[in-house]
Structure formats: C-alpha cells, structure tokens
Amino acid sequence: MNLDERVRELEQRLGKRLIVRSVRTPEEGFRGRVEVGPSTVLIEYQEDVPGYFWGYELLEELLDYVEEGRPSAVIYEGGVQYVPASMAELDDIGRTKGERD
C-alpha cells in the first residue's frame, strides 16, 4: 500500500483528519512528532535534505505509532518523550474563517 492510501485509510478508521508534513529543525536528535487531538492528528517528521524523501521509513514508523493508539509525543533518536495533548488550535488548521466561527 502506498503512503497516500495508508493515510486515507487511517483517517477513515480514526475518524480524524491526518496532517503530514516535513519540518527542518536544528534540534539535535529530533526525528518527528505526533500530536493527537479530538478531530486531527498532526504528524511532522525531520527532513534533512529538501526534495529527497529519505524519511519514508520514519513516516511509516510515525504512522504505526498513530495506528497503535499512542498519545501525543516527540520522537528523538534516543527515544520518545510524551507530551500533553493541547490540540485546540490544531483543529482549526485547514478550516476557513467561516467554518471556525
């Protein structure tokens, strides 16, 4: 199954919108993060070289994490740091002003 199909299938199964995006950060050891909210799941992964999608395996790992029903977390080279879920602002991503009001 390709990545787009997997994301769509996971969205259907969870009943939540998945937002997947690459990020670049100088934070040492950062691999990715998952933020789980009431209607949205944000998955961000470290992109070292723009345009070169070496992060496929990392993205698969982050999707596995979401599928297992785990809580919001930041994933580092040395392990996982769980973070409190504060997703109110995330649920507004992708909505127009009229939809938010």
PDB file of N, CA and C in Angstrom:
ATOM      1  N   MET A   1       0.857  -1.175   0.000  1.00  0.00           N
ATOM      2  CA  MET A   1       0.000   0.000   0.000  1.00  0.00           C
ATOM      3  C   MET A   1       0.899   1.232   0.000  1.00  0.00           C
ATOM      4  N   ASN A   2       0.550   2.211  -0.849  1.00  0.00           N
ATOM      5  CA  ASN A   2       1.380   3.416  -0.854  1.00  0.00           C
ATOM      6  C   ASN A   2       1.011   4.322   0.316  1.00  0.00           C
ATOM      7  N   LEU A   3       1.841   5.297   0.554  1.00  0.00           N
ATOM      8  CA  LEU A   3       1.697   6.166   1.715  1.00  0.00           C
ATOM      9  C   LEU A   3       0.397   6.955   1.713  1.00  0.00           C
ATOM     10  N   ASP A   4       0.006   7.511   0.566  1.00  0.00           N
ATOM     11  CA  ASP A   4      -1.244   8.277   0.482  1.00  0.00           C
ATOM     12  C   ASP A   4      -2.451   7.410   0.824  1.00  0.00           C
ATOM     13  N   GLU A   5      -2.464   6.180   0.310  1.00  0.00           N
ATOM     14  CA  GLU A   5      -3.558   5.258   0.612  1.00  0.00           C
ATOM     15  C   GLU A   5      -3.594   4.932   2.095  1.00  0.00           C
ATOM     16  N   ARG A   6      -2.431   4.734   2.679  1.00  0.00           N
ATOM     17  CA  ARG A   6      -2.366   4.403   4.101  1.00  0.00           C
ATOM     18  C   ARG A   6      -2.899   5.552   4.946  1.00  0.00           C
ATOM     19  N   VAL A   7      -2.536   6.787   4.591  1.00  0.00           N
ATOM     20  CA  VAL A   7      -3.027   7.954   5.334  1.00  0.00           C
ATOM     21  C   VAL A   7      -4.544   8.041   5.214  1.00  0.00           C
ATOM     22  N   ARG A   8      -5.092   7.885   4.001  1.00  0.00           N
ATOM     23  CA  ARG A   8      -6.549   7.949   3.806  1.00  0.00           C
ATOM     24  C   ARG A   8      -7.262   6.862   4.595  1.00  0.00           C
ATOM     25  N   GLU A   9      -6.710   5.654   4.574  1.00  0.00           N
ATOM     26  CA  GLU A   9      -7.315   4.546   5.310  1.00  0.00           C
ATOM     27  C   GLU A   9      -7.298   4.814   6.818  1.00  0.00           C
ATOM     28  N   LEU A  10      -6.194   5.346   7.301  1.00  0.00           N
ATOM     29  CA  LEU A  10      -6.078   5.652   8.724  1.00  0.00           C
ATOM     30  C   LEU A  10      -7.036   6.773   9.118  1.00  0.00           C
ATOM     31  N   GLU A  11      -7.194   7.770   8.258  1.00  0.00           N
ATOM     32  CA  GLU A  11      -8.162   8.842   8.526  1.00  0.00           C
ATOM     33  C   GLU A  11      -9.572   8.271   8.667  1.00  0.00           C
ATOM     34  N   GLN A  12      -9.927   7.365   7.769  1.00  0.00           N
ATOM     35  CA  GLN A  12     -11.257   6.751   7.834  1.00  0.00           C
ATOM     36  C   GLN A  12     -11.428   5.948   9.107  1.00  0.00           C
ATOM     37  N   ARG A  13     -10.438   5.152   9.439  1.00  0.00           N
ATOM     38  CA  ARG A  13     -10.535   4.291  10.606  1.00  0.00           C
ATOM     39  C   ARG A  13     -10.614   5.096  11.899  1.00  0.00           C
ATOM     40  N   LEU A  14      -9.828   6.190  11.988  1.00  0.00           N
ATOM     41  CA  LEU A  14      -9.821   7.002  13.201  1.00  0.00           C
ATOM     42  C   LEU A  14     -10.951   8.021  13.237  1.00  0.00           C
ATOM     43  N   GLY A  15     -11.476   8.367  12.064  1.00  0.00           N
ATOM     44  CA  GLY A  15     -12.481   9.421  12.006  1.00  0.00           C
ATOM     45  C   GLY A  15     -11.874  10.782  12.287  1.00  0.00           C
ATOM     46  N   LYS A  16     -10.586  10.933  11.966  1.00  0.00           N
ATOM     47  CA  LYS A  16      -9.856  12.179  12.199  1.00  0.00           C
ATOM     48  C   LYS A  16      -9.085  12.557  10.944  1.00  0.00           C
ATOM     49  N   ARG A  17      -8.844  13.844  10.802  1.00  0.00           N
ATOM     50  CA  ARG A  17      -8.013  14.331   9.699  1.00  0.00           C
ATOM     51  C   ARG A  17      -6.549  14.148  10.071  1.00  0.00           C
ATOM     52  N   LEU A  18      -5.749  13.612   9.168  1.00  0.00           N
ATOM     53  CA  LEU A  18      -4.308  13.492   9.378  1.00  0.00           C
ATOM     54  C   LEU A  18      -3.599  14.558   8.561  1.00  0.00           C
ATOM     55  N   ILE A  19      -2.750  15.302   9.223  1.00  0.00           N
ATOM     56  CA  ILE A  19      -1.911  16.295   8.558  1.00  0.00           C
ATOM     57  C   ILE A  19      -0.491  15.779   8.666  1.00  0.00           C
ATOM     58  N   VAL A  20       0.144  15.526   7.524  1.00  0.00           N
ATOM     59  CA  VAL A  20       1.504  15.001   7.487  1.00  0.00           C
ATOM     60  C   VAL A  20       2.370  16.023   6.780  1.00  0.00           C
ATOM     61  N   ARG A  21       3.444  16.447   7.452  1.00  0.00           N
ATOM     62  CA  ARG A  21       4.329  17.431   6.826  1.00  0.00           C
ATOM     63  C   ARG A  21       5.758  17.268   7.333  1.00  0.00           C
ATOM     64  N   SER A  22       6.667  17.650   6.458  1.00  0.00           N
ATOM     65  CA  SER A  22       8.077  17.622   6.836  1.00  0.00           C
ATOM     66  C   SER A  22       8.431  18.943   7.512  1.00  0.00           C
ATOM     67  N   VAL A  23       9.413  18.882   8.387  1.00  0.00           N
ATOM     68  CA  VAL A  23       9.922  20.072   9.060  1.00  0.00           C
ATOM     69  C   VAL A  23      11.441  20.012   9.058  1.00  0.00           C
ATOM     70  N   ARG A  24      12.043  21.169   9.175  1.00  0.00           N
ATOM     71  CA  ARG A  24      13.501  21.241   9.336  1.00  0.00           C
ATOM     72  C   ARG A  24      13.756  21.969  10.642  1.00  0.00           C
ATOM     73  N   THR A  25      14.523  21.349  11.503  1.00  0.00           N
ATOM     74  CA  THR A  25      14.827  21.952  12.797  1.00  0.00           C
ATOM     75  C   THR A  25      16.257  21.614  13.188  1.00  0.00           C
ATOM     76  N   PRO A  26      16.924  22.542  13.844  1.00  0.00           N
ATOM     77  CA  PRO A  26      18.270  22.250  14.320  1.00  0.00           C
ATOM     78  C   PRO A  26      18.277  21.448  15.629  1.00  0.00           C
ATOM     79  N   GLU A  27      17.100  21.138  16.141  1.00  0.00           N
ATOM     80  CA  GLU A  27      17.008  20.420  17.410  1.00  0.00           C
ATOM     81  C   GLU A  27      17.697  19.064  17.289  1.00  0.00           C
ATOM     82  N   GLU A  28      18.730  18.881  18.072  1.00  0.00           N
ATOM     83  CA  GLU A  28      19.547  17.679  17.974  1.00  0.00           C
ATOM     84  C   GLU A  28      18.765  16.426  18.348  1.00  0.00           C
ATOM     85  N   GLY A  29      18.835  15.433  17.499  1.00  0.00           N
ATOM     86  CA  GLY A  29      18.198  14.152  17.767  1.00  0.00           C
ATOM     87  C   GLY A  29      16.717  14.091  17.419  1.00  0.00           C
ATOM     88  N   PHE A  30      16.110  15.204  17.030  1.00  0.00           N
ATOM     89  CA  PHE A  30      14.686  15.226  16.697  1.00  0.00           C
ATOM     90  C   PHE A  30      14.433  14.393  15.447  1.00  0.00           C
ATOM     91  N   ARG A  31      13.461  13.490  15.525  1.00  0.00           N
ATOM     92  CA  ARG A  31      13.073  12.679  14.368  1.00  0.00           C
ATOM     93  C   ARG A  31      11.685  13.039  13.881  1.00  0.00           C
ATOM     94  N   GLY A  32      10.772  13.288  14.820  1.00  0.00           N
ATOM     95  CA  GLY A  32       9.411  13.598  14.424  1.00  0.00           C
ATOM     96  C   GLY A  32       8.534  13.800  15.638  1.00  0.00           C
ATOM     97  N   ARG A  33       7.279  14.165  15.362  1.00  0.00           N
ATOM     98  CA  ARG A  33       6.337  14.299  16.463  1.00  0.00           C
ATOM     99  C   ARG A  33       4.947  13.957  15.979  1.00  0.00           C
ATOM    100  N   VAL A  34       4.141  13.539  16.938  1.00  0.00           N
ATOM    101  CA  VAL A  34       2.747  13.209  16.692  1.00  0.00           C
ATOM    102  C   VAL A  34       1.933  13.970  17.722  1.00  0.00           C
ATOM    103  N   GLU A  35       0.956  14.740  17.259  1.00  0.00           N
ATOM    104  CA  GLU A  35       0.033  15.421  18.168  1.00  0.00           C
ATOM    105  C   GLU A  35      -1.358  14.918  17.844  1.00  0.00           C
ATOM    106  N   VAL A  36      -1.986  14.317  18.842  1.00  0.00           N
ATOM    107  CA  VAL A  36      -3.305  13.723  18.674  1.00  0.00           C
ATOM    108  C   VAL A  36      -4.333  14.626  19.322  1.00  0.00           C
ATOM    109  N   GLY A  37      -5.281  15.093  18.524  1.00  0.00           N
ATOM    110  CA  GLY A  37      -6.348  15.951  19.026  1.00  0.00           C
ATOM    111  C   GLY A  37      -7.702  15.302  18.822  1.00  0.00           C
ATOM    112  N   PRO A  38      -8.753  15.988  19.230  1.00  0.00           N
ATOM    113  CA  PRO A  38     -10.094  15.425  19.134  1.00  0.00           C
ATOM    114  C   PRO A  38     -10.531  15.102  17.696  1.00  0.00           C
ATOM    115  N   SER A  39     -10.113  15.904  16.733  1.00  0.00           N
ATOM    116  CA  SER A  39     -10.536  15.645  15.361  1.00  0.00           C
ATOM    117  C   SER A  39      -9.384  15.677  14.360  1.00  0.00           C
ATOM    118  N   THR A  40      -8.154  15.866  14.853  1.00  0.00           N
ATOM    119  CA  THR A  40      -6.997  15.998  13.972  1.00  0.00           C
ATOM    120  C   THR A  40      -5.785  15.305  14.577  1.00  0.00           C
ATOM    121  N   VAL A  41      -4.970  14.709  13.709  1.00  0.00           N
ATOM    122  CA  VAL A  41      -3.677  14.164  14.119  1.00  0.00           C
ATOM    123  C   VAL A  41      -2.622  14.840  13.244  1.00  0.00           C
ATOM    124  N   LEU A  42      -1.650  15.476  13.888  1.00  0.00           N
ATOM    125  CA  LEU A  42      -0.550  16.122  13.185  1.00  0.00           C
ATOM    126  C   LEU A  42       0.675  15.219  13.280  1.00  0.00           C
ATOM    127  N   ILE A  43       1.253  14.906  12.126  1.00  0.00           N
ATOM    128  CA  ILE A  43       2.483  14.116  12.079  1.00  0.00           C
ATOM    129  C   ILE A  43       3.527  14.964  11.371  1.00  0.00           C
ATOM    130  N   GLU A  44       4.606  15.253  12.074  1.00  0.00           N
ATOM    131  CA  GLU A  44       5.714  16.003  11.479  1.00  0.00           C
ATOM    132  C   GLU A  44       6.965  15.143  11.571  1.00  0.00           C
ATOM    133  N   TYR A  45       7.765  15.183  10.522  1.00  0.00           N
ATOM    134  CA  TYR A  45       8.998  14.395  10.513  1.00  0.00           C
ATOM    135  C   TYR A  45      10.149  15.272  10.040  1.00  0.00           C
ATOM    136  N   GLN A  46      11.325  14.990  10.557  1.00  0.00           N
ATOM    137  CA  GLN A  46      12.528  15.756  10.236  1.00  0.00           C
ATOM    138  C   GLN A  46      12.938  15.504   8.795  1.00  0.00           C
ATOM    139  N   GLU A  47      13.118  16.574   8.056  1.00  0.00           N
ATOM    140  CA  GLU A  47      13.595  16.480   6.676  1.00  0.00           C
ATOM    141  C   GLU A  47      14.997  17.078   6.632  1.00  0.00           C
ATOM    142  N   ASP A  48      15.986  16.231   6.404  1.00  0.00           N
ATOM    143  CA  ASP A  48      17.366  16.708   6.364  1.00  0.00           C
ATOM    144  C   ASP A  48      17.732  17.326   5.024  1.00  0.00           C
ATOM    145  N   VAL A  49      17.287  16.695   3.957  1.00  0.00           N
ATOM    146  CA  VAL A  49      17.627  17.169   2.618  1.00  0.00           C
ATOM    147  C   VAL A  49      16.328  17.423   1.862  1.00  0.00           C
ATOM    148  N   PRO A  50      15.951  18.710   1.672  1.00  0.00           N
ATOM    149  CA  PRO A  50      14.700  19.006   0.970  1.00  0.00           C
ATOM    150  C   PRO A  50      14.657  18.353  -0.414  1.00  0.00           C
ATOM    151  N   GLY A  51      13.502  17.780  -0.734  1.00  0.00           N
ATOM    152  CA  GLY A  51      13.324  17.165  -2.037  1.00  0.00           C
ATOM    153  C   GLY A  51      13.792  15.717  -2.116  1.00  0.00           C
ATOM    154  N   TYR A  52      14.516  15.250  -1.112  1.00  0.00           N
ATOM    155  CA  TYR A  52      14.978  13.869  -1.101  1.00  0.00           C
ATOM    156  C   TYR A  52      14.238  13.154   0.010  1.00  0.00           C
ATOM    157  N   PHE A  53      13.322  12.275  -0.350  1.00  0.00           N
ATOM    158  CA  PHE A  53      12.428  11.681   0.635  1.00  0.00           C
ATOM    159  C   PHE A  53      13.041  10.450   1.285  1.00  0.00           C
ATOM    160  N   TRP A  54      14.099  10.660   2.051  1.00  0.00           N
ATOM    161  CA  TRP A  54      14.709   9.555   2.788  1.00  0.00           C
ATOM    162  C   TRP A  54      13.857   9.169   3.983  1.00  0.00           C
ATOM    163  N   GLY A  55      12.921  10.041   4.357  1.00  0.00           N
ATOM    164  CA  GLY A  55      12.139   9.848   5.567  1.00  0.00           C
ATOM    165  C   GLY A  55      10.979   8.889   5.441  1.00  0.00           C
ATOM    166  N   TYR A  56      10.896   8.131   4.344  1.00  0.00           N
ATOM    167  CA  TYR A  56       9.777   7.206   4.153  1.00  0.00           C
ATOM    168  C   TYR A  56       9.660   6.229   5.328  1.00  0.00           C
ATOM    169  N   GLU A  57      10.778   5.628   5.721  1.00  0.00           N
ATOM    170  CA  GLU A  57      10.744   4.675   6.839  1.00  0.00           C
ATOM    171  C   GLU A  57      10.339   5.361   8.134  1.00  0.00           C
ATOM    172  N   LEU A  58      10.820   6.581   8.346  1.00  0.00           N
ATOM    173  CA  LEU A  58      10.446   7.334   9.541  1.00  0.00           C
ATOM    174  C   LEU A  58       8.951   7.626   9.528  1.00  0.00           C
ATOM    175  N   LEU A  59       8.425   8.023   8.390  1.00  0.00           N
ATOM    176  CA  LEU A  59       6.999   8.306   8.281  1.00  0.00           C
ATOM    177  C   LEU A  59       6.177   7.040   8.530  1.00  0.00           C
ATOM    178  N   GLU A  60       6.632   5.918   8.023  1.00  0.00           N
ATOM    179  CA  GLU A  60       5.969   4.644   8.298  1.00  0.00           C
ATOM    180  C   GLU A  60       5.947   4.372   9.803  1.00  0.00           C
ATOM    181  N   GLU A  61       7.053   4.629  10.468  1.00  0.00           N
ATOM    182  CA  GLU A  61       7.144   4.423  11.911  1.00  0.00           C
ATOM    183  C   GLU A  61       6.163   5.328  12.658  1.00  0.00           C
ATOM    184  N   LEU A  62       6.062   6.592  12.235  1.00  0.00           N
ATOM    185  CA  LEU A  62       5.137   7.522  12.881  1.00  0.00           C
ATOM    186  C   LEU A  62       3.678   7.124  12.638  1.00  0.00           C
ATOM    187  N   LEU A  63       3.373   6.642  11.436  1.00  0.00           N
ATOM    188  CA  LEU A  63       2.019   6.163  11.164  1.00  0.00           C
ATOM    189  C   LEU A  63       1.711   4.926  12.007  1.00  0.00           C
ATOM    190  N   ASP A  64       2.673   4.020  12.167  1.00  0.00           N
ATOM    191  CA  ASP A  64       2.495   2.857  13.039  1.00  0.00           C
ATOM    192  C   ASP A  64       2.155   3.327  14.457  1.00  0.00           C
ATOM    193  N   TYR A  65       2.869   4.332  14.905  1.00  0.00           N
ATOM    194  CA  TYR A  65       2.666   4.896  16.245  1.00  0.00           C
ATOM    195  C   TYR A  65       1.216   5.355  16.406  1.00  0.00           C
ATOM    196  N   VAL A  66       0.701   6.078  15.411  1.00  0.00           N
ATOM    197  CA  VAL A  66      -0.682   6.568  15.456  1.00  0.00           C
ATOM    198  C   VAL A  66      -1.659   5.395  15.426  1.00  0.00           C
ATOM    199  N   GLU A  67      -1.398   4.414  14.570  1.00  0.00           N
ATOM    200  CA  GLU A  67      -2.287   3.252  14.457  1.00  0.00           C
ATOM    201  C   GLU A  67      -2.389   2.478  15.764  1.00  0.00           C
ATOM    202  N   GLU A  68      -1.330   2.493  16.546  1.00  0.00           N
ATOM    203  CA  GLU A  68      -1.324   1.776  17.821  1.00  0.00           C
ATOM    204  C   GLU A  68      -2.102   2.522  18.897  1.00  0.00           C
ATOM    205  N   GLY A  69      -2.593   3.726  18.567  1.00  0.00           N
ATOM    206  CA  GLY A  69      -3.401   4.483  19.516  1.00  0.00           C
ATOM    207  C   GLY A  69      -2.595   5.167  20.605  1.00  0.00           C
ATOM    208  N   ARG A  70      -1.337   5.420  20.337  1.00  0.00           N
ATOM    209  CA  ARG A  70      -0.478   6.055  21.343  1.00  0.00           C
ATOM    210  C   ARG A  70      -0.785   7.545  21.463  1.00  0.00           C
ATOM    211  N   PRO A  71      -0.377   8.156  22.582  1.00  0.00           N
ATOM    212  CA  PRO A  71      -0.671   9.570  22.810  1.00  0.00           C
ATOM    213  C   PRO A  71       0.303  10.487  22.064  1.00  0.00           C
ATOM    214  N   SER A  72       0.058  11.787  22.172  1.00  0.00           N
ATOM    215  CA  SER A  72       0.950  12.779  21.572  1.00  0.00           C
ATOM    216  C   SER A  72       2.360  12.581  22.101  1.00  0.00           C
ATOM    217  N   ALA A  73       3.347  12.741  21.212  1.00  0.00           N
ATOM    218  CA  ALA A  73       4.733  12.514  21.613  1.00  0.00           C
ATOM    219  C   ALA A  73       5.685  13.164  20.632  1.00  0.00           C
ATOM    220  N   VAL A  74       6.899  13.407  21.123  1.00  0.00           N
ATOM    221  CA  VAL A  74       8.001  13.843  20.277  1.00  0.00           C
ATOM    222  C   VAL A  74       8.987  12.690  20.250  1.00  0.00           C
ATOM    223  N   ILE A  75       9.413  12.313  19.062  1.00  0.00           N
ATOM    224  CA  ILE A  75      10.296  11.167  18.904  1.00  0.00           C
ATOM    225  C   ILE A  75      11.707  11.669  18.613  1.00  0.00           C
ATOM    226  N   TYR A  76      12.647  11.225  19.442  1.00  0.00           N
ATOM    227  CA  TYR A  76      14.053  11.591  19.297  1.00  0.00           C
ATOM    228  C   TYR A  76      14.859  10.345  18.965  1.00  0.00           C
ATOM    229  N   GLU A  77      16.094  10.536  18.540  1.00  0.00           N
ATOM    230  CA  GLU A  77      16.977   9.404  18.255  1.00  0.00           C
ATOM    231  C   GLU A  77      17.072   8.467  19.460  1.00  0.00           C
ATOM    232  N   GLY A  78      17.094   9.023  20.664  1.00  0.00           N
ATOM    233  CA  GLY A  78      17.261   8.221  21.868  1.00  0.00           C
ATOM    234  C   GLY A  78      15.979   7.687  22.475  1.00  0.00           C
ATOM    235  N   GLY A  79      14.821   8.004  21.907  1.00  0.00           N
ATOM    236  CA  GLY A  79      13.576   7.507  22.478  1.00  0.00           C
ATOM    237  C   GLY A  79      12.414   8.457  22.257  1.00  0.00           C
ATOM    238  N   VAL A  80      11.390   8.282  23.064  1.00  0.00           N
ATOM    239  CA  VAL A  80      10.141   9.025  22.910  1.00  0.00           C
ATOM    240  C   VAL A  80       9.889   9.866  24.147  1.00  0.00           C
ATOM    241  N   GLN A  81       9.427  11.090  23.925  1.00  0.00           N
ATOM    242  CA  GLN A  81       9.024  11.960  25.025  1.00  0.00           C
ATOM    243  C   GLN A  81       7.543  12.250  24.853  1.00  0.00           C
ATOM    244  N   TYR A  82       6.727  11.793  25.801  1.00  0.00           N
ATOM    245  CA  TYR A  82       5.286  12.031  25.711  1.00  0.00           C
ATOM    246  C   TYR A  82       4.985  13.464  26.118  1.00  0.00           C
ATOM    247  N   VAL A  83       4.047  14.070  25.428  1.00  0.00           N
ATOM    248  CA  VAL A  83       3.692  15.463  25.692  1.00  0.00           C
ATOM    249  C   VAL A  83       2.199  15.564  25.929  1.00  0.00           C
ATOM    250  N   PRO A  84       1.787  16.554  26.730  1.00  0.00           N
ATOM    251  CA  PRO A  84       0.350  16.720  26.959  1.00  0.00           C
ATOM    252  C   PRO A  84      -0.361  17.121  25.670  1.00  0.00           C
ATOM    253  N   ALA A  85      -1.560  16.640  25.507  1.00  0.00           N
ATOM    254  CA  ALA A  85      -2.336  16.976  24.318  1.00  0.00           C
ATOM    255  C   ALA A  85      -2.937  18.368  24.481  1.00  0.00           C
ATOM    256  N   SER A  86      -2.540  19.275  23.600  1.00  0.00           N
ATOM    257  CA  SER A  86      -3.091  20.627  23.594  1.00  0.00           C
ATOM    258  C   SER A  86      -3.397  20.970  22.151  1.00  0.00           C
ATOM    259  N   MET A  87      -4.482  20.442  21.668  1.00  0.00           N
ATOM    260  CA  MET A  87      -4.744  20.460  20.246  1.00  0.00           C
ATOM    261  C   MET A  87      -5.850  21.407  19.806  1.00  0.00           C
ATOM    262  N   ALA A  88      -6.363  22.267  20.659  1.00  0.00           N
ATOM    263  CA  ALA A  88      -7.477  23.129  20.273  1.00  0.00           C
ATOM    264  C   ALA A  88      -7.155  23.927  19.022  1.00  0.00           C
ATOM    265  N   GLU A  89      -5.942  24.501  18.959  1.00  0.00           N
ATOM    266  CA  GLU A  89      -5.577  25.304  17.799  1.00  0.00           C
ATOM    267  C   GLU A  89      -5.360  24.440  16.565  1.00  0.00           C
ATOM    268  N   LEU A  90      -4.960  23.208  16.743  1.00  0.00           N
ATOM    269  CA  LEU A  90      -4.705  22.330  15.607  1.00  0.00           C
ATOM    270  C   LEU A  90      -5.991  21.990  14.871  1.00  0.00           C
ATOM    271  N   ASP A  91      -7.088  21.888  15.589  1.00  0.00           N
ATOM    272  CA  ASP A  91      -8.345  21.542  14.947  1.00  0.00           C
ATOM    273  C   ASP A  91      -8.830  22.625  13.998  1.00  0.00           C
ATOM    274  N   ASP A  92      -8.254  23.817  14.057  1.00  0.00           N
ATOM    275  CA  ASP A  92      -8.618  24.883  13.135  1.00  0.00           C
ATOM    276  C   ASP A  92      -7.772  24.871  11.863  1.00  0.00           C
ATOM    277  N   ILE A  93      -6.726  24.075  11.812  1.00  0.00           N
ATOM    278  CA  ILE A  93      -5.882  24.030  10.617  1.00  0.00           C
ATOM    279  C   ILE A  93      -6.709  23.520   9.447  1.00  0.00           C
ATOM    280  N   GLY A  94      -6.639  24.240   8.356  1.00  0.00           N
ATOM    281  CA  GLY A  94      -7.325  23.817   7.151  1.00  0.00           C
ATOM    282  C   GLY A  94      -8.771  24.249   7.060  1.00  0.00           C
ATOM    283  N   ARG A  95      -9.291  24.886   8.084  1.00  0.00           N
ATOM    284  CA  ARG A  95     -10.671  25.367   8.038  1.00  0.00           C
ATOM    285  C   ARG A  95     -10.684  26.834   7.663  1.00  0.00           C
ATOM    286  N   THR A  96     -11.701  27.240   6.950  1.00  0.00           N
ATOM    287  CA  THR A  96     -11.834  28.650   6.605  1.00  0.00           C
ATOM    288  C   THR A  96     -12.370  29.406   7.807  1.00  0.00           C
ATOM    289  N   LYS A  97     -12.217  30.725   7.782  1.00  0.00           N
ATOM    290  CA  LYS A  97     -12.697  31.536   8.901  1.00  0.00           C
ATOM    291  C   LYS A  97     -14.171  31.300   9.170  1.00  0.00           C
ATOM    292  N   GLY A  98     -14.984  31.178   8.133  1.00  0.00           N
ATOM    293  CA  GLY A  98     -16.402  30.928   8.309  1.00  0.00           C
ATOM    294  C   GLY A  98     -16.691  29.610   8.992  1.00  0.00           C
ATOM    295  N   GLU A  99     -15.874  28.594   8.712  1.00  0.00           N
ATOM    296  CA  GLU A  99     -16.059  27.285   9.345  1.00  0.00           C
ATOM    297  C   GLU A  99     -15.654  27.317  10.815  1.00  0.00           C
ATOM    298  N   ARG A 100     -14.713  28.190  11.175  1.00  0.00           N
ATOM    299  CA  ARG A 100     -14.251  28.278  12.566  1.00  0.00           C
ATOM    300  C   ARG A 100     -15.229  29.043  13.436  1.00  0.00           C
ATOM    301  N   ASP A 101     -15.956  29.973  12.875  1.00  0.00           N
ATOM    302  CA  ASP A 101     -16.861  30.844  13.658  1.00  0.00           C
ATOM    303  C   ASP A 101     -18.181  30.179  13.950  1.00  0.00           C
TER     304      ASP A 101
END
